[in-house]
Amino acid sequence: MEPKDNDKGTYRDEVAALFRTLPAMWIGGDNINGIGGKAWRTRVSDCRTQLGMVIENRHYRELDGSNRSQYRYLPVEYTLTAEVTQRATGRKQ
């Protein structure tokens, strides 16, 4: 069964599943678009606000001048490990 365009929960859950499958990996916005539908940025926001997921993003410009966005999900375990490492070494990762 295909998700309906107005079924935000289904698209949100598909985007959340993508992030959970690839924790700490940068995923291109074009890949998320293929799963989250035309309002994929809203689905990413919904994962953050409704599901409490920590999702970082970064932007860069291609040589041809186009802008690209990438996102990555950091599970609590990753966040806690980074904090402990930062405290132990005195530097950010």
Protein backbone atom coordinates (compact mmCIF):
# COMPACT_ATOMS: atom_id res chain seq x y z
CA MET A 1 0.00 0.00 0.00
CA GLU A 2 1.45 3.37 -1.06
CA PRO A 3 1.38 6.22 1.48
CA LYS A 4 -1.18 8.88 0.69
CA ASP A 5 0.20 12.35 0.05
CA ASN A 6 -1.70 13.74 3.05
CA ASP A 7 -0.71 10.92 5.40
CA LYS A 8 2.06 12.77 7.23
CA GLY A 9 2.47 10.09 9.88
CA THR A 10 3.27 7.43 7.30
CA TYR A 11 5.82 9.58 5.48
CA ARG A 12 7.28 10.70 8.80
CA ASP A 13 7.63 7.11 9.93
CA GLU A 14 9.34 6.14 6.65
CA VAL A 15 11.83 9.01 7.05
CA ALA A 16 12.41 8.04 10.71
CA ALA A 17 13.05 4.43 9.65
CA LEU A 18 15.62 5.64 7.10
CA PHE A 19 17.49 7.61 9.77
CA ARG A 20 17.33 4.75 12.26
CA THR A 21 18.70 2.35 9.66
CA LEU A 22 21.71 4.60 9.02
CA PRO A 23 22.59 6.20 12.37
CA ALA A 24 25.32 8.87 12.26
CA MET A 25 25.52 8.63 8.45
CA TRP A 26 24.97 11.74 6.35
CA ILE A 27 21.97 11.29 4.04
CA GLY A 28 21.38 13.60 1.09
CA GLY A 29 18.17 15.57 0.90
CA ASP A 30 17.48 14.06 -2.51
CA ASN A 31 17.44 10.59 -0.90
CA ILE A 32 15.09 11.74 1.85
CA ASN A 33 12.89 13.35 -0.79
CA GLY A 34 12.46 9.98 -2.46
CA ILE A 35 11.06 8.53 0.77
CA GLY A 36 9.44 11.53 2.47
CA GLY A 37 7.58 12.95 -0.49
CA LYS A 38 7.46 16.54 -1.66
CA ALA A 39 7.29 17.93 1.91
CA TRP A 40 10.32 15.92 3.08
CA ARG A 41 11.76 18.83 5.09
CA THR A 42 8.56 18.85 7.13
CA ARG A 43 8.97 15.10 7.72
CA VAL A 44 12.50 15.70 9.05
CA SER A 45 11.13 18.43 11.32
CA ASP A 46 8.35 16.11 12.49
CA CYS A 47 10.96 13.45 13.37
CA ARG A 48 12.69 16.04 15.52
CA THR A 49 9.64 17.52 17.23
CA GLN A 50 7.22 14.59 17.39
CA LEU A 51 9.65 11.70 17.86
CA GLY A 52 12.41 13.54 19.73
CA MET A 53 15.10 12.47 17.28
CA VAL A 54 18.36 14.43 17.23
CA ILE A 55 18.95 15.18 13.55
CA GLU A 56 21.78 17.42 12.42
CA ASN A 57 22.01 19.06 9.04
CA ARG A 58 24.69 20.66 6.92
CA HIS A 59 24.65 22.56 3.65
CA TYR A 60 27.24 22.94 0.94
CA ARG A 61 27.51 24.32 -2.57
CA GLU A 62 28.43 22.14 -5.54
CA LEU A 63 30.94 23.31 -8.14
CA ASP A 64 28.04 24.04 -10.48
CA GLY A 65 26.60 26.48 -7.89
CA SER A 66 23.72 24.28 -6.72
CA ASN A 67 23.07 23.94 -2.99
CA ARG A 68 22.92 20.56 -1.28
CA SER A 69 21.65 19.53 2.13
CA GLN A 70 22.56 16.49 4.17
CA TYR A 71 21.07 15.20 7.39
CA ARG A 72 22.13 12.66 9.99
CA TYR A 73 20.42 11.09 12.97
CA LEU A 74 22.37 10.87 16.21
CA PRO A 75 20.85 8.32 18.59
CA VAL A 76 21.16 9.06 22.30
CA GLU A 77 23.98 6.51 22.60
CA TYR A 78 26.06 8.44 20.04
CA THR A 79 25.36 11.76 21.72
CA LEU A 80 26.29 10.44 25.17
CA THR A 81 29.48 8.82 23.84
CA ALA A 82 30.52 12.10 22.19
CA GLU A 83 29.90 14.02 25.43
CA VAL A 84 31.95 11.57 27.51
CA THR A 85 34.78 11.62 24.97
CA GLN A 86 34.73 15.41 24.87
CA ARG A 87 34.98 15.62 28.65
CA ALA A 88 37.77 13.05 28.79
CA THR A 89 39.86 14.60 26.03
CA GLY A 90 38.86 18.24 26.40
CA ARG A 91 38.08 18.59 22.71
CA LYS A 92 35.04 18.38 20.45
CA GLN A 93 34.67 15.60 17.92
